[in-house]
Amino acid sequence: QVQLVESGGGLVQPGGSLPLSCTASGFTFSRFRMSWYRQPPGKERELVAAITSAGGRTNYASSVKGRFTISRDNAKKTIYLQMNSLVPEDTAVYYCNAASDYLRVNFWGQGTQVTVSS
């Protein structure tokens, strides 16, 4: 069965850092584009960062560019999101996503809560 499991969420102070991870199983991870999305309370889900299947290219939302870094380890079937210089506006549920344009499928994790507050 397909699974994406996020971990690493929690409470962090403004200006602090927090690493997230997402471990995949049940599909050919190395062939999928991987992304992090987030959804603040009462707002729409938005793309935070994306990385190609081989890890050669990345893309970031303008609001996080320069502060967040997405990476992947295909051997471990895991993606990461290193979040630095956090601000309260980063507070949201963060979701892991796997996508294949060829198969036309999307897989989602259960989400992990990140709260930035003093």
C-alpha atoms as a PDB file:
ATOM      1  CA  GLN A   1       0.000   0.000   0.000  1.00  0.00           C
ATOM      2  CA  VAL A   2       1.107   3.550  -0.752  1.00  0.00           C
ATOM      3  CA  GLN A   3       2.212   5.550   2.258  1.00  0.00           C
ATOM      4  CA  LEU A   4       3.791   8.951   2.848  1.00  0.00           C
ATOM      5  CA  VAL A   5       4.577   9.663   6.483  1.00  0.00           C
ATOM      6  CA  GLU A   6       5.690  13.120   7.598  1.00  0.00           C
ATOM      7  CA  SER A   7       7.570  13.750  10.810  1.00  0.00           C
ATOM      8  CA  GLY A   8       9.348  16.576  12.591  1.00  0.00           C
ATOM      9  CA  GLY A   9       6.551  19.061  13.157  1.00  0.00           C
ATOM     10  CA  GLY A  10       6.189  20.959  16.390  1.00  0.00           C
ATOM     11  CA  LEU A  11       6.424  24.311  18.132  1.00  0.00           C
ATOM     12  CA  VAL A  12       9.316  26.623  17.308  1.00  0.00           C
ATOM     13  CA  GLN A  13      10.120  30.238  18.168  1.00  0.00           C
ATOM     14  CA  PRO A  14      10.280  32.971  15.513  1.00  0.00           C
ATOM     15  CA  GLY A  15      13.723  33.048  13.984  1.00  0.00           C
ATOM     16  CA  GLY A  16      14.277  29.404  14.778  1.00  0.00           C
ATOM     17  CA  SER A  17      14.770  26.366  12.574  1.00  0.00           C
ATOM     18  CA  LEU A  18      12.961  23.077  12.140  1.00  0.00           C
ATOM     19  CA  PRO A  19      13.616  20.058   9.906  1.00  0.00           C
ATOM     20  CA  LEU A  20      10.804  18.008   8.413  1.00  0.00           C
ATOM     21  CA  SER A  21      11.033  14.614   6.760  1.00  0.00           C
ATOM     22  CA  CYS A  22       8.718  12.390   4.750  1.00  0.00           C
ATOM     23  CA  THR A  23       9.334   8.695   4.206  1.00  0.00           C
ATOM     24  CA  ALA A  24       7.649   6.879   1.329  1.00  0.00           C
ATOM     25  CA  SER A  25       6.686   3.289   0.665  1.00  0.00           C
ATOM     26  CA  GLY A  26       4.536   1.313  -1.758  1.00  0.00           C
ATOM     27  CA  PHE A  27       5.629   2.977  -5.015  1.00  0.00           C
ATOM     28  CA  THR A  28       8.728   3.677  -7.096  1.00  0.00           C
ATOM     29  CA  PHE A  29       9.904   6.712  -5.185  1.00  0.00           C
ATOM     30  CA  SER A  30      12.818   7.556  -7.486  1.00  0.00           C
ATOM     31  CA  ARG A  31      10.472   8.112 -10.438  1.00  0.00           C
ATOM     32  CA  PHE A  32       8.261  10.672  -8.707  1.00  0.00           C
ATOM     33  CA  ARG A  33       8.473  14.412  -8.342  1.00  0.00           C
ATOM     34  CA  MET A  34       8.223  15.231  -4.642  1.00  0.00           C
ATOM     35  CA  SER A  35       6.825  18.359  -3.031  1.00  0.00           C
ATOM     36  CA  TRP A  36       5.972  19.989   0.252  1.00  0.00           C
ATOM     37  CA  TYR A  37       2.657  21.797   0.569  1.00  0.00           C
ATOM     38  CA  ARG A  38       1.219  23.645   3.526  1.00  0.00           C
ATOM     39  CA  GLN A  39      -2.225  24.752   4.631  1.00  0.00           C
ATOM     40  CA  PRO A  40      -2.704  27.449   7.274  1.00  0.00           C
ATOM     41  CA  PRO A  41      -5.932  27.238   9.295  1.00  0.00           C
ATOM     42  CA  GLY A  42      -8.891  28.379   7.204  1.00  0.00           C
ATOM     43  CA  LYS A  43      -6.785  28.967   4.106  1.00  0.00           C
ATOM     44  CA  GLU A  44      -6.049  27.159   0.860  1.00  0.00           C
ATOM     45  CA  ARG A  45      -3.297  24.611   0.480  1.00  0.00           C
ATOM     46  CA  GLU A  46      -0.231  26.054  -1.243  1.00  0.00           C
ATOM     47  CA  LEU A  47       2.946  24.693  -2.773  1.00  0.00           C
ATOM     48  CA  VAL A  48       6.017  25.349  -0.646  1.00  0.00           C
ATOM     49  CA  ALA A  49       8.796  23.526  -2.492  1.00  0.00           C
ATOM     50  CA  ALA A  50       9.280  20.860  -5.141  1.00  0.00           C
ATOM     51  CA  ILE A  51      12.152  18.670  -6.269  1.00  0.00           C
ATOM     52  CA  THR A  52      12.553  16.571  -9.404  1.00  0.00           C
ATOM     53  CA  SER A  53      12.870  12.799  -9.298  1.00  0.00           C
ATOM     54  CA  ALA A  54      16.667  12.780  -9.470  1.00  0.00           C
ATOM     55  CA  GLY A  55      17.052  15.827  -7.268  1.00  0.00           C
ATOM     56  CA  GLY A  56      18.553  17.945 -10.014  1.00  0.00           C
ATOM     57  CA  ARG A  57      16.151  20.868  -9.812  1.00  0.00           C
ATOM     58  CA  THR A  58      14.162  22.561  -7.094  1.00  0.00           C
ATOM     59  CA  ASN A  59      11.417  25.156  -6.996  1.00  0.00           C
ATOM     60  CA  TYR A  60      10.245  27.307  -4.092  1.00  0.00           C
ATOM     61  CA  ALA A  61       7.394  29.597  -3.272  1.00  0.00           C
ATOM     62  CA  SER A  62       8.576  33.189  -3.168  1.00  0.00           C
ATOM     63  CA  SER A  63       7.590  33.447   0.494  1.00  0.00           C
ATOM     64  CA  VAL A  64      10.098  30.774   1.547  1.00  0.00           C
ATOM     65  CA  LYS A  65      12.879  31.114  -1.012  1.00  0.00           C
ATOM     66  CA  GLY A  66      16.196  31.625   0.725  1.00  0.00           C
ATOM     67  CA  ARG A  67      14.861  30.288   4.028  1.00  0.00           C
ATOM     68  CA  PHE A  68      13.718  26.739   3.213  1.00  0.00           C
ATOM     69  CA  THR A  69      15.631  23.943   1.496  1.00  0.00           C
ATOM     70  CA  ILE A  70      14.096  20.810  -0.010  1.00  0.00           C
ATOM     71  CA  SER A  71      16.206  17.714  -0.602  1.00  0.00           C
ATOM     72  CA  ARG A  72      15.747  14.008  -1.243  1.00  0.00           C
ATOM     73  CA  ASP A  73      17.525  10.735  -0.603  1.00  0.00           C
ATOM     74  CA  ASN A  74      16.259   8.157  -3.068  1.00  0.00           C
ATOM     75  CA  ALA A  75      18.109   5.333  -1.320  1.00  0.00           C
ATOM     76  CA  LYS A  76      16.190   6.115   1.872  1.00  0.00           C
ATOM     77  CA  LYS A  77      12.968   6.975   0.009  1.00  0.00           C
ATOM     78  CA  THR A  78      12.818  10.184   1.982  1.00  0.00           C
ATOM     79  CA  ILE A  79      12.459  13.897   1.311  1.00  0.00           C
ATOM     80  CA  TYR A  80      13.382  16.673   3.685  1.00  0.00           C
ATOM     81  CA  LEU A  81      12.457  20.277   4.279  1.00  0.00           C
ATOM     82  CA  GLN A  82      14.929  22.342   6.270  1.00  0.00           C
ATOM     83  CA  MET A  83      13.138  25.460   7.514  1.00  0.00           C
ATOM     84  CA  ASN A  84      15.206  28.388   8.782  1.00  0.00           C
ATOM     85  CA  SER A  85      14.408  31.921   9.931  1.00  0.00           C
ATOM     86  CA  LEU A  86      10.848  30.904  10.690  1.00  0.00           C
ATOM     87  CA  VAL A  87       8.109  33.507  11.041  1.00  0.00           C
ATOM     88  CA  PRO A  88       4.555  33.181  12.413  1.00  0.00           C
ATOM     89  CA  GLU A  89       3.178  33.172   8.860  1.00  0.00           C
ATOM     90  CA  ASP A  90       4.854  29.788   8.368  1.00  0.00           C
ATOM     91  CA  THR A  91       2.388  28.246  10.829  1.00  0.00           C
ATOM     92  CA  ALA A  92       0.455  25.552   8.968  1.00  0.00           C
ATOM     93  CA  VAL A  93      -0.060  21.854   8.468  1.00  0.00           C
ATOM     94  CA  TYR A  94       2.710  20.680   6.162  1.00  0.00           C
ATOM     95  CA  TYR A  95       1.976  17.880   3.688  1.00  0.00           C
ATOM     96  CA  CYS A  96       4.230  15.636   1.654  1.00  0.00           C
ATOM     97  CA  ASN A  97       3.199  15.001  -1.960  1.00  0.00           C
ATOM     98  CA  ALA A  98       4.386  12.573  -4.626  1.00  0.00           C
ATOM     99  CA  ALA A  99       3.403  13.153  -8.247  1.00  0.00           C
ATOM    100  CA  SER A 100       3.872  11.385 -11.565  1.00  0.00           C
ATOM    101  CA  ASP A 101       2.902  13.193 -14.754  1.00  0.00           C
ATOM    102  CA  TYR A 102       3.174   9.932 -16.674  1.00  0.00           C
ATOM    103  CA  LEU A 103       0.914   7.930 -14.367  1.00  0.00           C
ATOM    104  CA  ARG A 104      -1.262  10.978 -13.620  1.00  0.00           C
ATOM    105  CA  VAL A 105      -1.408  10.221  -9.918  1.00  0.00           C
ATOM    106  CA  ASN A 106      -0.786  12.122  -6.708  1.00  0.00           C
ATOM    107  CA  PHE A 107      -0.098  10.676  -3.274  1.00  0.00           C
ATOM    108  CA  TRP A 108      -0.445  12.636  -0.043  1.00  0.00           C
ATOM    109  CA  GLY A 109       0.823  12.233   3.473  1.00  0.00           C
ATOM    110  CA  GLN A 110      -1.252  12.790   6.592  1.00  0.00           C
ATOM    111  CA  GLY A 111       0.349  16.131   7.410  1.00  0.00           C
ATOM    112  CA  THR A 112       2.364  17.438  10.326  1.00  0.00           C
ATOM    113  CA  GLN A 113       1.642  20.594  12.320  1.00  0.00           C
ATOM    114  CA  VAL A 114       4.217  23.387  12.446  1.00  0.00           C
ATOM    115  CA  THR A 115       3.539  26.259  14.827  1.00  0.00           C
ATOM    116  CA  VAL A 116       5.805  29.313  14.956  1.00  0.00           C
ATOM    117  CA  SER A 117       5.152  31.282  18.120  1.00  0.00           C
ATOM    118  CA  SER A 118       6.926  32.798  21.086  1.00  0.00           C
END
